[in-house]
Amino acid sequence: MSTDTNKSKTAGRIILAAGSIMCLWVGAALVSALSSVGWSVSTLAGQYMTSVGMVKPLHTLVDYYTHIKGIEYLICVAFFVAFPVFFKYVNKAPKAVKTVKAIK
């Protein structure tokens, strides 16, 4: 029984050590990346999103207008969905309230 406990403690310690080493490595990589961009988190995030393809650089006015138009259409669809729901919520039939006259 004690050997099973010792094995599980050893395995737990190995996993903890590996996690700690990975955490230190990620921290060092983040500090190094921030140092290389002048400690600007937004610049680092922008460079990351551009490099992985989440954000594409807009080189011409047509590229920019096409991007904005797509966002505008998404906003319109959101309003077309939200407005009927909000209208139904606002125009609910009032509930009848039962009142009782107090006797003096």
C-alpha atoms as a PDB file:
ATOM      1  CA  MET A   1       0.000   0.000   0.000  1.00  0.00           C
ATOM      2  CA  SER A   2       2.819   2.392   0.822  1.00  0.00           C
ATOM      3  CA  THR A   3       4.553   1.698  -2.518  1.00  0.00           C
ATOM      4  CA  ASP A   4       1.380   2.756  -4.390  1.00  0.00           C
ATOM      5  CA  THR A   5       1.249   5.946  -2.341  1.00  0.00           C
ATOM      6  CA  ASN A   6       4.935   6.618  -3.000  1.00  0.00           C
ATOM      7  CA  LYS A   7       4.452   6.007  -6.743  1.00  0.00           C
ATOM      8  CA  SER A   8       1.503   8.409  -6.930  1.00  0.00           C
ATOM      9  CA  LYS A   9       3.419  11.053  -4.951  1.00  0.00           C
ATOM     10  CA  THR A  10       6.398  10.643  -7.266  1.00  0.00           C
ATOM     11  CA  ALA A  11       4.192  10.913 -10.355  1.00  0.00           C
ATOM     12  CA  GLY A  12       2.528  13.998  -8.902  1.00  0.00           C
ATOM     13  CA  ARG A  13       5.874  15.612  -8.223  1.00  0.00           C
ATOM     14  CA  ILE A  14       7.078  14.863 -11.765  1.00  0.00           C
ATOM     15  CA  ILE A  15       3.937  16.400 -13.263  1.00  0.00           C
ATOM     16  CA  LEU A  16       4.266  19.433 -10.983  1.00  0.00           C
ATOM     17  CA  ALA A  17       7.917  19.888 -11.950  1.00  0.00           C
ATOM     18  CA  ALA A  18       7.138  19.588 -15.672  1.00  0.00           C
ATOM     19  CA  GLY A  19       4.289  22.107 -15.318  1.00  0.00           C
ATOM     20  CA  SER A  20       6.522  24.517 -13.426  1.00  0.00           C
ATOM     21  CA  ILE A  21       9.234  24.287 -16.069  1.00  0.00           C
ATOM     22  CA  MET A  22       6.699  24.925 -18.847  1.00  0.00           C
ATOM     23  CA  CYS A  23       5.272  27.885 -16.934  1.00  0.00           C
ATOM     24  CA  LEU A  24       8.736  29.386 -16.534  1.00  0.00           C
ATOM     25  CA  TRP A  25       9.468  28.841 -20.241  1.00  0.00           C
ATOM     26  CA  VAL A  26       6.211  30.527 -21.321  1.00  0.00           C
ATOM     27  CA  GLY A  27       6.857  33.420 -18.950  1.00  0.00           C
ATOM     28  CA  ALA A  28      10.371  33.890 -20.317  1.00  0.00           C
ATOM     29  CA  ALA A  29       9.091  33.768 -23.908  1.00  0.00           C
ATOM     30  CA  LEU A  30       6.387  36.355 -23.132  1.00  0.00           C
ATOM     31  CA  VAL A  31       8.827  38.696 -21.378  1.00  0.00           C
ATOM     32  CA  SER A  32      11.279  38.331 -24.267  1.00  0.00           C
ATOM     33  CA  ALA A  33       8.577  39.066 -26.853  1.00  0.00           C
ATOM     34  CA  LEU A  34       7.328  42.090 -24.916  1.00  0.00           C
ATOM     35  CA  SER A  35      10.886  43.352 -24.568  1.00  0.00           C
ATOM     36  CA  SER A  36      11.449  43.116 -28.322  1.00  0.00           C
ATOM     37  CA  VAL A  37       8.367  45.267 -29.103  1.00  0.00           C
ATOM     38  CA  GLY A  38       9.063  47.900 -26.455  1.00  0.00           C
ATOM     39  CA  TRP A  39       6.731  46.496 -23.787  1.00  0.00           C
ATOM     40  CA  SER A  40       3.617  47.215 -25.877  1.00  0.00           C
ATOM     41  CA  VAL A  41       1.030  44.467 -25.396  1.00  0.00           C
ATOM     42  CA  SER A  42      -1.156  45.805 -28.218  1.00  0.00           C
ATOM     43  CA  THR A  43       1.747  45.737 -30.690  1.00  0.00           C
ATOM     44  CA  LEU A  44       2.601  42.193 -29.665  1.00  0.00           C
ATOM     45  CA  ALA A  45      -1.033  41.091 -30.020  1.00  0.00           C
ATOM     46  CA  GLY A  46      -1.279  42.795 -33.423  1.00  0.00           C
ATOM     47  CA  GLN A  47       1.884  41.105 -34.668  1.00  0.00           C
ATOM     48  CA  TYR A  48       0.633  37.731 -33.411  1.00  0.00           C
ATOM     49  CA  MET A  49      -2.783  38.076 -35.058  1.00  0.00           C
ATOM     50  CA  THR A  50      -1.213  39.199 -38.339  1.00  0.00           C
ATOM     51  CA  SER A  51       1.289  36.319 -38.353  1.00  0.00           C
ATOM     52  CA  VAL A  52      -1.339  33.627 -37.737  1.00  0.00           C
ATOM     53  CA  GLY A  53      -3.770  35.120 -40.258  1.00  0.00           C
ATOM     54  CA  MET A  54      -6.475  36.341 -37.896  1.00  0.00           C
ATOM     55  CA  VAL A  55      -5.997  39.895 -39.146  1.00  0.00           C
ATOM     56  CA  LYS A  56      -4.975  40.750 -42.678  1.00  0.00           C
ATOM     57  CA  PRO A  57      -3.164  43.989 -43.422  1.00  0.00           C
ATOM     58  CA  LEU A  58      -5.315  46.411 -45.414  1.00  0.00           C
ATOM     59  CA  HIS A  59      -3.219  47.976 -48.152  1.00  0.00           C
ATOM     60  CA  THR A  60      -5.830  49.847 -50.196  1.00  0.00           C
ATOM     61  CA  LEU A  61      -8.982  51.829 -49.568  1.00  0.00           C
ATOM     62  CA  VAL A  62     -11.013  49.114 -51.311  1.00  0.00           C
ATOM     63  CA  ASP A  63      -9.668  46.497 -48.876  1.00  0.00           C
ATOM     64  CA  TYR A  64     -10.618  48.695 -45.952  1.00  0.00           C
ATOM     65  CA  TYR A  65     -14.093  49.473 -47.337  1.00  0.00           C
ATOM     66  CA  THR A  66     -14.766  45.783 -47.995  1.00  0.00           C
ATOM     67  CA  HIS A  67     -13.753  44.928 -44.424  1.00  0.00           C
ATOM     68  CA  ILE A  68     -15.972  47.654 -42.949  1.00  0.00           C
ATOM     69  CA  LYS A  69     -18.896  46.642 -45.170  1.00  0.00           C
ATOM     70  CA  GLY A  70     -18.690  43.056 -43.904  1.00  0.00           C
ATOM     71  CA  ILE A  71     -18.742  44.241 -40.299  1.00  0.00           C
ATOM     72  CA  GLU A  72     -21.693  46.522 -41.096  1.00  0.00           C
ATOM     73  CA  TYR A  73     -23.690  43.594 -42.485  1.00  0.00           C
ATOM     74  CA  LEU A  74     -22.994  41.544 -39.353  1.00  0.00           C
ATOM     75  CA  ILE A  75     -24.220  44.416 -37.171  1.00  0.00           C
ATOM     76  CA  CYS A  76     -27.393  44.715 -39.293  1.00  0.00           C
ATOM     77  CA  VAL A  77     -28.141  41.005 -38.918  1.00  0.00           C
ATOM     78  CA  ALA A  78     -27.667  41.299 -35.140  1.00  0.00           C
ATOM     79  CA  PHE A  79     -30.160  44.177 -35.001  1.00  0.00           C
ATOM     80  CA  PHE A  80     -32.657  42.303 -37.214  1.00  0.00           C
ATOM     81  CA  VAL A  81     -32.572  39.445 -34.717  1.00  0.00           C
ATOM     82  CA  ALA A  82     -32.492  41.575 -31.537  1.00  0.00           C
ATOM     83  CA  PHE A  83     -35.210  44.097 -32.425  1.00  0.00           C
ATOM     84  CA  PRO A  84     -38.201  41.669 -32.614  1.00  0.00           C
ATOM     85  CA  VAL A  85     -37.109  40.019 -29.369  1.00  0.00           C
ATOM     86  CA  PHE A  86     -36.803  43.398 -27.654  1.00  0.00           C
ATOM     87  CA  PHE A  87     -40.146  44.559 -29.118  1.00  0.00           C
ATOM     88  CA  LYS A  88     -41.940  41.487 -27.746  1.00  0.00           C
ATOM     89  CA  TYR A  89     -40.303  42.041 -24.355  1.00  0.00           C
ATOM     90  CA  VAL A  90     -41.352  45.697 -24.188  1.00  0.00           C
ATOM     91  CA  ASN A  91     -44.918  45.169 -25.409  1.00  0.00           C
ATOM     92  CA  LYS A  92     -45.985  42.387 -23.095  1.00  0.00           C
ATOM     93  CA  ALA A  93     -49.609  42.383 -22.040  1.00  0.00           C
ATOM     94  CA  PRO A  94     -49.902  43.853 -18.556  1.00  0.00           C
ATOM     95  CA  LYS A  95     -50.695  41.341 -15.850  1.00  0.00           C
ATOM     96  CA  ALA A  96     -53.824  41.820 -13.807  1.00  0.00           C
ATOM     97  CA  VAL A  97     -53.064  42.855 -10.257  1.00  0.00           C
ATOM     98  CA  LYS A  98     -55.492  41.848  -7.549  1.00  0.00           C
ATOM     99  CA  THR A  99     -56.104  44.590  -4.999  1.00  0.00           C
ATOM    100  CA  VAL A 100     -57.776  44.307  -1.639  1.00  0.00           C
ATOM    101  CA  LYS A 101     -59.388  47.246   0.135  1.00  0.00           C
ATOM    102  CA  ALA A 102     -58.221  47.651   3.680  1.00  0.00           C
ATOM    103  CA  ILE A 103     -60.993  47.672   6.312  1.00  0.00           C
ATOM    104  CA  LYS A 104     -60.703  50.305   9.024  1.00  0.00           C
END
